[in-house]
PDB file of N, CA and C in Angstrom:
ATOM      1  N   MET A   1    -113.424  61.455 -95.065  1.00  0.00           N
ATOM      2  CA  MET A   1    -114.406  61.221 -96.092  1.00  0.00           C
ATOM      3  C   MET A   1    -115.602  62.106 -95.829  1.00  0.00           C
ATOM      4  N   THR A   2    -116.112  62.698 -96.852  1.00  0.00           N
ATOM      5  CA  THR A   2    -117.277  63.541 -96.744  1.00  0.00           C
ATOM      6  C   THR A   2    -118.509  62.725 -97.109  1.00  0.00           C
ATOM      7  N   VAL A   3    -119.468  62.683 -96.193  1.00  0.00           N
ATOM      8  CA  VAL A   3    -120.668  61.864 -96.365  1.00  0.00           C
ATOM      9  C   VAL A   3    -121.896  62.675 -95.961  1.00  0.00           C
ATOM     10  N   ASP A   4    -123.066  62.194 -96.369  1.00  0.00           N
ATOM     11  CA  ASP A   4    -124.305  62.868 -95.993  1.00  0.00           C
ATOM     12  C   ASP A   4    -124.698  62.576 -94.549  1.00  0.00           C
ATOM     13  N   ASP A   5    -124.420  61.366 -94.082  1.00  0.00           N
ATOM     14  CA  ASP A   5    -124.855  60.949 -92.748  1.00  0.00           C
ATOM     15  C   ASP A   5    -123.667  60.374 -91.973  1.00  0.00           C
ATOM     16  N   VAL A   6    -122.998  61.230 -91.206  1.00  0.00           N
ATOM     17  CA  VAL A   6    -121.813  60.824 -90.449  1.00  0.00           C
ATOM     18  C   VAL A   6    -122.145  59.679 -89.494  1.00  0.00           C
ATOM     19  N   ALA A   7    -123.255  59.770 -88.790  1.00  0.00           N
ATOM     20  CA  ALA A   7    -123.618  58.744 -87.806  1.00  0.00           C
ATOM     21  C   ALA A   7    -123.788  57.374 -88.463  1.00  0.00           C
ATOM     22  N   ALA A   8    -124.348  57.321 -89.659  1.00  0.00           N
ATOM     23  CA  ALA A   8    -124.563  56.040 -90.333  1.00  0.00           C
ATOM     24  C   ALA A   8    -123.231  55.369 -90.682  1.00  0.00           C
ATOM     25  N   SER A   9    -122.302  56.117 -91.248  1.00  0.00           N
ATOM     26  CA  SER A   9    -120.993  55.536 -91.573  1.00  0.00           C
ATOM     27  C   SER A   9    -120.224  55.201 -90.305  1.00  0.00           C
ATOM     28  N   ARG A  10    -120.283  56.085 -89.308  1.00  0.00           N
ATOM     29  CA  ARG A  10    -119.612  55.820 -88.038  1.00  0.00           C
ATOM     30  C   ARG A  10    -120.131  54.523 -87.415  1.00  0.00           C
ATOM     31  N   ASP A  11    -121.435  54.378 -87.321  1.00  0.00           N
ATOM     32  CA  ASP A  11    -122.007  53.187 -86.701  1.00  0.00           C
ATOM     33  C   ASP A  11    -121.658  51.923 -87.478  1.00  0.00           C
ATOM     34  N   PHE A  12    -121.635  52.009 -88.803  1.00  0.00           N
ATOM     35  CA  PHE A  12    -121.267  50.870 -89.646  1.00  0.00           C
ATOM     36  C   PHE A  12    -119.836  50.426 -89.346  1.00  0.00           C
ATOM     37  N   LEU A  13    -118.924  51.386 -89.259  1.00  0.00           N
ATOM     38  CA  LEU A  13    -117.517  51.057 -88.997  1.00  0.00           C
ATOM     39  C   LEU A  13    -117.309  50.578 -87.564  1.00  0.00           C
ATOM     40  N   LEU A  14    -118.038  51.127 -86.616  1.00  0.00           N
ATOM     41  CA  LEU A  14    -117.943  50.663 -85.232  1.00  0.00           C
ATOM     42  C   LEU A  14    -118.474  49.234 -85.108  1.00  0.00           C
ATOM     43  N   THR A  15    -119.605  48.973 -85.718  1.00  0.00           N
ATOM     44  CA  THR A  15    -120.275  47.676 -85.601  1.00  0.00           C
ATOM     45  C   THR A  15    -119.557  46.573 -86.365  1.00  0.00           C
ATOM     46  N   HIS A  16    -119.196  46.836 -87.601  1.00  0.00           N
ATOM     47  CA  HIS A  16    -118.711  45.772 -88.479  1.00  0.00           C
ATOM     48  C   HIS A  16    -117.194  45.688 -88.629  1.00  0.00           C
ATOM     49  N   PHE A  17    -116.477  46.770 -88.304  1.00  0.00           N
ATOM     50  CA  PHE A  17    -115.039  46.777 -88.543  1.00  0.00           C
ATOM     51  C   PHE A  17    -114.206  47.055 -87.299  1.00  0.00           C
ATOM     52  N   GLY A  18    -114.827  47.092 -86.145  1.00  0.00           N
ATOM     53  CA  GLY A  18    -114.085  47.187 -84.896  1.00  0.00           C
ATOM     54  C   GLY A  18    -113.428  48.519 -84.614  1.00  0.00           C
ATOM     55  N   TYR A  19    -113.872  49.574 -85.279  1.00  0.00           N
ATOM     56  CA  TYR A  19    -113.326  50.896 -84.981  1.00  0.00           C
ATOM     57  C   TYR A  19    -113.928  51.417 -83.686  1.00  0.00           C
ATOM     58  N   THR A  20    -113.235  52.340 -83.051  1.00  0.00           N
ATOM     59  CA  THR A  20    -113.756  53.059 -81.896  1.00  0.00           C
ATOM     60  C   THR A  20    -113.718  54.539 -82.220  1.00  0.00           C
ATOM     61  N   GLN A  21    -114.625  55.264 -81.609  1.00  0.00           N
ATOM     62  CA  GLN A  21    -114.680  56.703 -81.838  1.00  0.00           C
ATOM     63  C   GLN A  21    -113.699  57.402 -80.907  1.00  0.00           C
ATOM     64  N   VAL A  22    -112.835  58.216 -81.478  1.00  0.00           N
ATOM     65  CA  VAL A  22    -111.863  58.979 -80.705  1.00  0.00           C
ATOM     66  C   VAL A  22    -112.471  60.295 -80.250  1.00  0.00           C
ATOM     67  N   THR A  23    -113.105  60.963 -81.186  1.00  0.00           N
ATOM     68  CA  THR A  23    -113.732  62.253 -80.895  1.00  0.00           C
ATOM     69  C   THR A  23    -114.866  62.476 -81.878  1.00  0.00           C
ATOM     70  N   ALA A  24    -115.768  63.356 -81.512  1.00  0.00           N
ATOM     71  CA  ALA A  24    -116.884  63.678 -82.395  1.00  0.00           C
ATOM     72  C   ALA A  24    -117.417  65.058 -82.040  1.00  0.00           C
ATOM     73  N   ALA A  25    -118.038  65.667 -83.017  1.00  0.00           N
ATOM     74  CA  ALA A  25    -118.732  66.934 -82.841  1.00  0.00           C
ATOM     75  C   ALA A  25    -119.855  66.932 -83.870  1.00  0.00           C
ATOM     76  N   ASP A  26    -120.614  67.991 -83.911  1.00  0.00           N
ATOM     77  CA  ASP A  26    -121.696  68.075 -84.883  1.00  0.00           C
ATOM     78  C   ASP A  26    -121.109  68.012 -86.298  1.00  0.00           C
ATOM     79  N   GLY A  27    -121.463  66.971 -87.049  1.00  0.00           N
ATOM     80  CA  GLY A  27    -120.989  66.824 -88.420  1.00  0.00           C
ATOM     81  C   GLY A  27    -119.595  66.259 -88.560  1.00  0.00           C
ATOM     82  N   PHE A  28    -119.075  65.627 -87.517  1.00  0.00           N
ATOM     83  CA  PHE A  28    -117.686  65.161 -87.541  1.00  0.00           C
ATOM     84  C   PHE A  28    -117.531  63.950 -86.629  1.00  0.00           C
ATOM     85  N   ALA A  29    -116.734  62.983 -87.066  1.00  0.00           N
ATOM     86  CA  ALA A  29    -116.354  61.857 -86.199  1.00  0.00           C
ATOM     87  C   ALA A  29    -114.968  61.381 -86.621  1.00  0.00           C
ATOM     88  N   SER A  30    -114.137  61.084 -85.646  1.00  0.00           N
ATOM     89  CA  SER A  30    -112.805  60.536 -85.883  1.00  0.00           C
ATOM     90  C   SER A  30    -112.769  59.144 -85.269  1.00  0.00           C
ATOM     91  N   LEU A  31    -112.381  58.150 -86.083  1.00  0.00           N
ATOM     92  CA  LEU A  31    -112.389  56.750 -85.676  1.00  0.00           C
ATOM     93  C   LEU A  31    -110.992  56.162 -85.746  1.00  0.00           C
ATOM     94  N   THR A  32    -110.727  55.182 -84.885  1.00  0.00           N
ATOM     95  CA  THR A  32    -109.426  54.523 -84.876  1.00  0.00           C
ATOM     96  C   THR A  32    -109.591  53.060 -84.523  1.00  0.00           C
ATOM     97  N   ARG A  33    -108.547  52.315 -84.761  1.00  0.00           N
ATOM     98  CA  ARG A  33    -108.412  50.921 -84.325  1.00  0.00           C
ATOM     99  C   ARG A  33    -107.003  50.765 -83.799  1.00  0.00           C
ATOM    100  N   ASP A  34    -106.842  49.986 -82.746  1.00  0.00           N
ATOM    101  CA  ASP A  34    -105.504  49.773 -82.195  1.00  0.00           C
ATOM    102  C   ASP A  34    -104.579  49.102 -83.198  1.00  0.00           C
ATOM    103  N   ASP A  35    -105.123  48.235 -84.047  1.00  0.00           N
ATOM    104  CA  ASP A  35    -104.290  47.465 -84.973  1.00  0.00           C
ATOM    105  C   ASP A  35    -104.325  47.991 -86.402  1.00  0.00           C
ATOM    106  N   ALA A  36    -104.947  49.129 -86.636  1.00  0.00           N
ATOM    107  CA  ALA A  36    -105.061  49.643 -88.000  1.00  0.00           C
ATOM    108  C   ALA A  36    -104.029  50.734 -88.260  1.00  0.00           C
ATOM    109  N   ALA A  37    -103.543  50.750 -89.480  1.00  0.00           N
ATOM    110  CA  ALA A  37    -102.569  51.755 -89.861  1.00  0.00           C
ATOM    111  C   ALA A  37    -103.244  53.080 -90.211  1.00  0.00           C
ATOM    112  N   VAL A  38    -104.571  53.060 -90.374  1.00  0.00           N
ATOM    113  CA  VAL A  38    -105.268  54.247 -90.839  1.00  0.00           C
ATOM    114  C   VAL A  38    -106.437  54.568 -89.918  1.00  0.00           C
ATOM    115  N   ASP A  39    -106.486  55.807 -89.467  1.00  0.00           N
ATOM    116  CA  ASP A  39    -107.674  56.305 -88.788  1.00  0.00           C
ATOM    117  C   ASP A  39    -108.621  56.820 -89.865  1.00  0.00           C
ATOM    118  N   ILE A  40    -109.883  56.919 -89.527  1.00  0.00           N
ATOM    119  CA  ILE A  40    -110.879  57.403 -90.481  1.00  0.00           C
ATOM    120  C   ILE A  40    -111.549  58.634 -89.893  1.00  0.00           C
ATOM    121  N   VAL A  41    -111.619  59.681 -90.698  1.00  0.00           N
ATOM    122  CA  VAL A  41    -112.304  60.906 -90.312  1.00  0.00           C
ATOM    123  C   VAL A  41    -113.502  61.064 -91.238  1.00  0.00           C
ATOM    124  N   LEU A  42    -114.670  61.212 -90.628  1.00  0.00           N
ATOM    125  CA  LEU A  42    -115.911  61.409 -91.373  1.00  0.00           C
ATOM    126  C   LEU A  42    -116.385  62.837 -91.167  1.00  0.00           C
ATOM    127  N   LEU A  43    -116.700  63.509 -92.256  1.00  0.00           N
ATOM    128  CA  LEU A  43    -117.196  64.884 -92.205  1.00  0.00           C
ATOM    129  C   LEU A  43    -118.525  64.952 -92.936  1.00  0.00           C
ATOM    130  N   GLU A  44    -119.459  65.697 -92.369  1.00  0.00           N
ATOM    131  CA  GLU A  44    -120.754  65.868 -93.011  1.00  0.00           C
ATOM    132  C   GLU A  44    -120.628  66.781 -94.224  1.00  0.00           C
ATOM    133  N   ARG A  45    -121.223  66.352 -95.317  1.00  0.00           N
ATOM    134  CA  ARG A  45    -121.205  67.170 -96.535  1.00  0.00           C
ATOM    135  C   ARG A  45    -121.778  68.544 -96.225  1.00  0.00           C
ATOM    136  N   GLY A  46    -121.080  69.591 -96.655  1.00  0.00           N
ATOM    137  CA  GLY A  46    -121.503  70.964 -96.429  1.00  0.00           C
ATOM    138  C   GLY A  46    -120.906  71.616 -95.187  1.00  0.00           C
ATOM    139  N   ILE A  47    -120.184  70.832 -94.387  1.00  0.00           N
ATOM    140  CA  ILE A  47    -119.625  71.370 -93.143  1.00  0.00           C
ATOM    141  C   ILE A  47    -118.650  72.505 -93.456  1.00  0.00           C
ATOM    142  N   GLU A  48    -118.723  73.565 -92.682  1.00  0.00           N
ATOM    143  CA  GLU A  48    -117.971  74.772 -92.986  1.00  0.00           C
ATOM    144  C   GLU A  48    -116.491  74.696 -92.647  1.00  0.00           C
ATOM    145  N   VAL A  49    -116.030  73.641 -91.974  1.00  0.00           N
ATOM    146  CA  VAL A  49    -114.592  73.519 -91.713  1.00  0.00           C
ATOM    147  C   VAL A  49    -113.830  73.166 -92.981  1.00  0.00           C
ATOM    148  N   LEU A  50    -114.535  72.666 -93.991  1.00  0.00           N
ATOM    149  CA  LEU A  50    -113.897  72.346 -95.273  1.00  0.00           C
ATOM    150  C   LEU A  50    -113.803  73.599 -96.133  1.00  0.00           C
ATOM    151  N   PRO A  51    -112.794  73.663 -96.985  1.00  0.00           N
ATOM    152  CA  PRO A  51    -112.740  74.774 -97.943  1.00  0.00           C
ATOM    153  C   PRO A  51    -114.003  74.761 -98.817  1.00  0.00           C
ATOM    154  N   PRO A  52    -114.465  75.909 -99.252  1.00  0.00           N
ATOM    155  CA  PRO A  52    -115.713  75.980-100.028  1.00  0.00           C
ATOM    156  C   PRO A  52    -115.775  75.009-101.207  1.00  0.00           C
ATOM    157  N   GLU A  53    -114.673  74.811-101.896  1.00  0.00           N
ATOM    158  CA  GLU A  53    -114.688  73.940-103.075  1.00  0.00           C
ATOM    159  C   GLU A  53    -114.822  72.460-102.718  1.00  0.00           C
ATOM    160  N   GLN A  54    -114.668  72.097-101.449  1.00  0.00           N
ATOM    161  CA  GLN A  54    -114.786  70.701-101.024  1.00  0.00           C
ATOM    162  C   GLN A  54    -116.080  70.397-100.277  1.00  0.00           C
ATOM    163  N   ARG A  55    -116.823  71.393 -99.891  1.00  0.00           N
ATOM    164  CA  ARG A  55    -117.971  71.208 -98.997  1.00  0.00           C
ATOM    165  C   ARG A  55    -119.075  70.340 -99.570  1.00  0.00           C
ATOM    166  N   ASP A  56    -119.321  70.412-100.858  1.00  0.00           N
ATOM    167  CA  ASP A  56    -120.427  69.654-101.437  1.00  0.00           C
ATOM    168  C   ASP A  56    -120.001  68.338-102.054  1.00  0.00           C
ATOM    169  N   GLN A  57    -118.737  67.986-101.915  1.00  0.00           N
ATOM    170  CA  GLN A  57    -118.270  66.703-102.445  1.00  0.00           C
ATOM    171  C   GLN A  57    -118.710  65.573-101.537  1.00  0.00           C
ATOM    172  N   ARG A  58    -118.897  64.391-102.127  1.00  0.00           N
ATOM    173  CA  ARG A  58    -119.185  63.176-101.375  1.00  0.00           C
ATOM    174  C   ARG A  58    -118.070  62.186-101.670  1.00  0.00           C
ATOM    175  N   ALA A  59    -117.827  61.313-100.702  1.00  0.00           N
ATOM    176  CA  ALA A  59    -116.889  60.220-100.959  1.00  0.00           C
ATOM    177  C   ALA A  59    -117.483  59.380-102.080  1.00  0.00           C
ATOM    178  N   SER A  60    -116.782  59.269-103.184  1.00  0.00           N
ATOM    179  CA  SER A  60    -117.251  58.421-104.283  1.00  0.00           C
ATOM    180  C   SER A  60    -116.027  57.894-105.019  1.00  0.00           C
ATOM    181  N   GLY A  61    -116.164  56.691-105.505  1.00  0.00           N
ATOM    182  CA  GLY A  61    -115.051  56.067-106.194  1.00  0.00           C
ATOM    183  C   GLY A  61    -113.964  55.592-105.248  1.00  0.00           C
ATOM    184  N   LEU A  62    -114.194  55.750-103.964  1.00  0.00           N
ATOM    185  CA  LEU A  62    -113.222  55.363-102.948  1.00  0.00           C
ATOM    186  C   LEU A  62    -113.497  53.944-102.493  1.00  0.00           C
ATOM    187  N   ILE A  63    -112.456  53.129-102.422  1.00  0.00           N
ATOM    188  CA  ILE A  63    -112.559  51.783-101.865  1.00  0.00           C
ATOM    189  C   ILE A  63    -111.554  51.692-100.728  1.00  0.00           C
ATOM    190  N   LEU A  64    -112.050  51.445 -99.519  1.00  0.00           N
ATOM    191  CA  LEU A  64    -111.168  51.194 -98.382  1.00  0.00           C
ATOM    192  C   LEU A  64    -110.871  49.709 -98.371  1.00  0.00           C
ATOM    193  N   ALA A  65    -109.614  49.356 -98.520  1.00  0.00           N
ATOM    194  CA  ALA A  65    -109.224  47.941 -98.588  1.00  0.00           C
ATOM    195  C   ALA A  65    -108.525  47.525 -97.302  1.00  0.00           C
ATOM    196  N   PHE A  66    -108.951  46.395 -96.760  1.00  0.00           N
ATOM    197  CA  PHE A  66    -108.372  45.825 -95.548  1.00  0.00           C
ATOM    198  C   PHE A  66    -107.819  44.448 -95.882  1.00  0.00           C
ATOM    199  N   THR A  67    -106.548  44.214 -95.612  1.00  0.00           N
ATOM    200  CA  THR A  67    -105.946  42.902 -95.808  1.00  0.00           C
ATOM    201  C   THR A  67    -106.240  42.058 -94.579  1.00  0.00           C
ATOM    202  N   VAL A  68    -106.772  40.855 -94.812  1.00  0.00           N
ATOM    203  CA  VAL A  68    -107.178  39.978 -93.718  1.00  0.00           C
ATOM    204  C   VAL A  68    -106.687  38.557 -93.985  1.00  0.00           C
ATOM    205  N   THR A  69    -106.790  37.712 -92.989  1.00  0.00           N
ATOM    206  CA  THR A  69    -106.647  36.268 -93.157  1.00  0.00           C
ATOM    207  C   THR A  69    -107.989  35.659 -92.790  1.00  0.00           C
ATOM    208  N   GLY A  70    -108.263  34.478 -93.324  1.00  0.00           N
ATOM    209  CA  GLY A  70    -109.545  33.841 -93.063  1.00  0.00           C
ATOM    210  C   GLY A  70    -110.701  34.604 -93.678  1.00  0.00           C
ATOM    211  N   ILE A  71    -110.552  34.995 -94.930  1.00  0.00           N
ATOM    212  CA  ILE A  71    -111.522  35.888 -95.576  1.00  0.00           C
ATOM    213  C   ILE A  71    -112.933  35.310 -95.631  1.00  0.00           C
ATOM    214  N   ALA A  72    -113.067  34.000 -95.827  1.00  0.00           N
ATOM    215  CA  ALA A  72    -114.406  33.394 -95.872  1.00  0.00           C
ATOM    216  C   ALA A  72    -115.126  33.579 -94.540  1.00  0.00           C
ATOM    217  N   ASP A  73    -114.394  33.488 -93.446  1.00  0.00           N
ATOM    218  CA  ASP A  73    -114.997  33.716 -92.125  1.00  0.00           C
ATOM    219  C   ASP A  73    -115.457  35.165 -91.969  1.00  0.00           C
ATOM    220  N   HIS A  74    -114.679  36.100 -92.510  1.00  0.00           N
ATOM    221  CA  HIS A  74    -115.064  37.512 -92.439  1.00  0.00           C
ATOM    222  C   HIS A  74    -116.336  37.764 -93.249  1.00  0.00           C
ATOM    223  N   GLU A  75    -116.414  37.158 -94.438  1.00  0.00           N
ATOM    224  CA  GLU A  75    -117.620  37.353 -95.247  1.00  0.00           C
ATOM    225  C   GLU A  75    -118.837  36.778 -94.520  1.00  0.00           C
ATOM    226  N   GLU A  76    -118.703  35.597 -93.971  1.00  0.00           N
ATOM    227  CA  GLU A  76    -119.817  34.982 -93.248  1.00  0.00           C
ATOM    228  C   GLU A  76    -120.232  35.843 -92.047  1.00  0.00           C
ATOM    229  N   ARG A  77    -119.258  36.339 -91.293  1.00  0.00           N
ATOM    230  CA  ARG A  77    -119.535  37.184 -90.128  1.00  0.00           C
ATOM    231  C   ARG A  77    -120.304  38.435 -90.535  1.00  0.00           C
ATOM    232  N   LEU A  78    -119.858  39.086 -91.605  1.00  0.00           N
ATOM    233  CA  LEU A  78    -120.513  40.315 -92.038  1.00  0.00           C
ATOM    234  C   LEU A  78    -121.914  40.046 -92.585  1.00  0.00           C
ATOM    235  N   ARG A  79    -122.079  38.959 -93.328  1.00  0.00           N
ATOM    236  CA  ARG A  79    -123.421  38.592 -93.821  1.00  0.00           C
ATOM    237  C   ARG A  79    -124.370  38.354 -92.656  1.00  0.00           C
ATOM    238  N   LYS A  80    -123.929  37.564 -91.679  1.00  0.00           N
ATOM    239  CA  LYS A  80    -124.770  37.262 -90.515  1.00  0.00           C
ATOM    240  C   LYS A  80    -125.124  38.518 -89.727  1.00  0.00           C
ATOM    241  N   ALA A  81    -124.216  39.494 -89.721  1.00  0.00           N
ATOM    242  CA  ALA A  81    -124.451  40.742 -88.992  1.00  0.00           C
ATOM    243  C   ALA A  81    -125.324  41.714 -89.786  1.00  0.00           C
ATOM    244  N   GLY A  82    -125.658  41.351 -91.019  1.00  0.00           N
ATOM    245  CA  GLY A  82    -126.533  42.190 -91.829  1.00  0.00           C
ATOM    246  C   GLY A  82    -125.848  43.237 -92.672  1.00  0.00           C
ATOM    247  N   ALA A  83    -124.519  43.183 -92.769  1.00  0.00           N
ATOM    248  CA  ALA A  83    -123.813  44.132 -93.631  1.00  0.00           C
ATOM    249  C   ALA A  83    -124.087  43.760 -95.088  1.00  0.00           C
ATOM    250  N   PRO A  84    -124.406  44.736 -95.924  1.00  0.00           N
ATOM    251  CA  PRO A  84    -124.706  44.427 -97.322  1.00  0.00           C
ATOM    252  C   PRO A  84    -123.448  44.039 -98.104  1.00  0.00           C
ATOM    253  N   VAL A  85    -123.340  42.767 -98.450  1.00  0.00           N
ATOM    254  CA  VAL A  85    -122.230  42.297 -99.275  1.00  0.00           C
ATOM    255  C   VAL A  85    -122.588  42.639-100.716  1.00  0.00           C
ATOM    256  N   THR A  86    -121.870  43.597-101.275  1.00  0.00           N
ATOM    257  CA  THR A  86    -122.201  44.104-102.603  1.00  0.00           C
ATOM    258  C   THR A  86    -121.350  43.483-103.704  1.00  0.00           C
ATOM    259  N   MET A  87    -120.314  42.773-103.328  1.00  0.00           N
ATOM    260  CA  MET A  87    -119.554  41.936-104.264  1.00  0.00           C
ATOM    261  C   MET A  87    -119.181  40.680-103.493  1.00  0.00           C
ATOM    262  N   PRO A  88    -119.751  39.534-103.869  1.00  0.00           N
ATOM    263  CA  PRO A  88    -119.473  38.304-103.133  1.00  0.00           C
ATOM    264  C   PRO A  88    -118.011  37.890-103.246  1.00  0.00           C
ATOM    265  N   LEU A  89    -117.623  37.033-102.338  1.00  0.00           N
ATOM    266  CA  LEU A  89    -116.255  36.518-102.314  1.00  0.00           C
ATOM    267  C   LEU A  89    -115.907  35.898-103.653  1.00  0.00           C
ATOM    268  N   ARG A  90    -114.740  36.285-104.158  1.00  0.00           N
ATOM    269  CA  ARG A  90    -114.244  35.706-105.412  1.00  0.00           C
ATOM    270  C   ARG A  90    -112.734  35.649-105.369  1.00  0.00           C
ATOM    271  N   GLU A  91    -112.173  34.866-106.283  1.00  0.00           N
ATOM    272  CA  GLU A  91    -110.716  34.760-106.386  1.00  0.00           C
ATOM    273  C   GLU A  91    -110.301  35.206-107.769  1.00  0.00           C
ATOM    274  N   GLU A  92    -109.335  36.111-107.797  1.00  0.00           N
ATOM    275  CA  GLU A  92    -108.805  36.611-109.059  1.00  0.00           C
ATOM    276  C   GLU A  92    -107.741  35.652-109.583  1.00  0.00           C
ATOM    277  N   PRO A  93    -107.473  35.663-110.893  1.00  0.00           N
ATOM    278  CA  PRO A  93    -106.485  34.752-111.477  1.00  0.00           C
ATOM    279  C   PRO A  93    -105.093  34.874-110.865  1.00  0.00           C
ATOM    280  N   TRP A  94    -104.751  36.033-110.331  1.00  0.00           N
ATOM    281  CA  TRP A  94    -103.424  36.244-109.751  1.00  0.00           C
ATOM    282  C   TRP A  94    -103.360  35.835-108.274  1.00  0.00           C
ATOM    283  N   GLY A  95    -104.459  35.283-107.736  1.00  0.00           N
ATOM    284  CA  GLY A  95    -104.431  34.723-106.395  1.00  0.00           C
ATOM    285  C   GLY A  95    -105.084  35.559-105.316  1.00  0.00           C
ATOM    286  N   GLU A  96    -105.485  36.754-105.624  1.00  0.00           N
ATOM    287  CA  GLU A  96    -106.146  37.608-104.640  1.00  0.00           C
ATOM    288  C   GLU A  96    -107.577  37.119-104.427  1.00  0.00           C
ATOM    289  N   ARG A  97    -107.974  36.979-103.156  1.00  0.00           N
ATOM    290  CA  ARG A  97    -109.363  36.671-102.803  1.00  0.00           C
ATOM    291  C   ARG A  97    -109.944  37.923-102.174  1.00  0.00           C
ATOM    292  N   LEU A  98    -111.161  38.289-102.557  1.00  0.00           N
ATOM    293  CA  LEU A  98    -111.724  39.531-102.076  1.00  0.00           C
ATOM    294  C   LEU A  98    -113.243  39.514-102.111  1.00  0.00           C
ATOM    295  N   PHE A  99    -113.828  40.387-101.307  1.00  0.00           N
ATOM    296  CA  PHE A  99    -115.250  40.702-101.382  1.00  0.00           C
ATOM    297  C   PHE A  99    -115.437  42.125-100.889  1.00  0.00           C
ATOM    298  N   GLN A 100    -116.628  42.678-101.155  1.00  0.00           N
ATOM    299  CA  GLN A 100    -116.896  44.055-100.770  1.00  0.00           C
ATOM    300  C   GLN A 100    -118.226  44.166-100.039  1.00  0.00           C
ATOM    301  N   VAL A 101    -118.262  45.104 -99.093  1.00  0.00           N
ATOM    302  CA  VAL A 101    -119.499  45.544 -98.468  1.00  0.00           C
ATOM    303  C   VAL A 101    -119.590  47.051 -98.701  1.00  0.00           C
ATOM    304  N   THR A 102    -120.809  47.571 -98.614  1.00  0.00           N
ATOM    305  CA  THR A 102    -121.002  49.002 -98.832  1.00  0.00           C
ATOM    306  C   THR A 102    -121.776  49.583 -97.658  1.00  0.00           C
ATOM    307  N   ASP A 103    -121.263  50.683 -97.121  1.00  0.00           N
ATOM    308  CA  ASP A 103    -121.902  51.299 -95.957  1.00  0.00           C
ATOM    309  C   ASP A 103    -123.108  52.127 -96.398  1.00  0.00           C
ATOM    310  N   PRO A 104    -123.906  52.647 -95.455  1.00  0.00           N
ATOM    311  CA  PRO A 104    -125.117  53.388 -95.807  1.00  0.00           C
ATOM    312  C   PRO A 104    -124.900  54.642 -96.654  1.00  0.00           C
ATOM    313  N   ASN A 105    -123.692  55.184 -96.666  1.00  0.00           N
ATOM    314  CA  ASN A 105    -123.388  56.356 -97.495  1.00  0.00           C
ATOM    315  C   ASN A 105    -122.746  55.988 -98.824  1.00  0.00           C
ATOM    316  N   GLY A 106    -122.645  54.692 -99.115  1.00  0.00           N
ATOM    317  CA  GLY A 106    -122.069  54.257-100.384  1.00  0.00           C
ATOM    318  C   GLY A 106    -120.570  54.048-100.359  1.00  0.00           C
ATOM    319  N   ILE A 107    -119.945  54.102 -99.194  1.00  0.00           N
ATOM    320  CA  ILE A 107    -118.508  53.845 -99.101  1.00  0.00           C
ATOM    321  C   ILE A 107    -118.275  52.348 -99.240  1.00  0.00           C
ATOM    322  N   VAL A 108    -117.421  51.973-100.165  1.00  0.00           N
ATOM    323  CA  VAL A 108    -117.113  50.572-100.416  1.00  0.00           C
ATOM    324  C   VAL A 108    -115.928  50.157 -99.551  1.00  0.00           C
ATOM    325  N   LEU A 109    -116.119  49.080 -98.792  1.00  0.00           N
ATOM    326  CA  LEU A 109    -115.064  48.507 -97.982  1.00  0.00           C
ATOM    327  C   LEU A 109    -114.759  47.136 -98.563  1.00  0.00           C
ATOM    328  N   GLN A 110    -113.518  46.924 -98.920  1.00  0.00           N
ATOM    329  CA  GLN A 110    -113.099  45.685 -99.573  1.00  0.00           C
ATOM    330  C   GLN A 110    -112.159  44.921 -98.639  1.00  0.00           C
ATOM    331  N   LEU A 111    -112.449  43.657 -98.445  1.00  0.00           N
ATOM    332  CA  LEU A 111    -111.566  42.791 -97.673  1.00  0.00           C
ATOM    333  C   LEU A 111    -110.808  41.924 -98.658  1.00  0.00           C
ATOM    334  N   VAL A 112    -109.512  41.820 -98.450  1.00  0.00           N
ATOM    335  CA  VAL A 112    -108.607  41.141 -99.375  1.00  0.00           C
ATOM    336  C   VAL A 112    -107.749  40.150 -98.616  1.00  0.00           C
ATOM    337  N   GLU A 113    -107.569  38.989 -99.214  1.00  0.00           N
ATOM    338  CA  GLU A 113    -106.615  37.993 -98.685  1.00  0.00           C
ATOM    339  C   GLU A 113    -105.746  37.540 -99.850  1.00  0.00           C
ATOM    340  N   TRP A 114    -104.461  37.544 -99.617  1.00  0.00           N
ATOM    341  CA  TRP A 114    -103.515  37.140-100.660  1.00  0.00           C
ATOM    342  C   TRP A 114    -103.164  35.676-100.489  1.00  0.00           C
ATOM    343  N   ALA A 115    -103.122  34.961-101.600  1.00  0.00           N
ATOM    344  CA  ALA A 115    -102.794  33.527-101.576  1.00  0.00           C
ATOM    345  C   ALA A 115    -101.325  33.305-101.280  1.00  0.00           C
TER     346      ALA A 115
END
């Protein structure tokens, strides 16, 4: 994901989502979790390792979704930790329960629990 402030998104994911940093350099961070199927790579907007047509793009319209159990406990934990809950916990008619938090760069992280 291309963001303006790599450290802000990195710290948010380390603090609130249990990621660890695998490697980092100026304008770059690679994050992982032992139990996650997806690693996250953060790149600073404008970084020259990206092709020219991608350098000024920002992560937008992207929602990282995590399937969890005990979703109400996760929402409470994140609220208490100061993570901005930008969509409160709700249940959809088809049984999905979800809420969203947004990191300092505007990346939306959605937690989902299926009934």
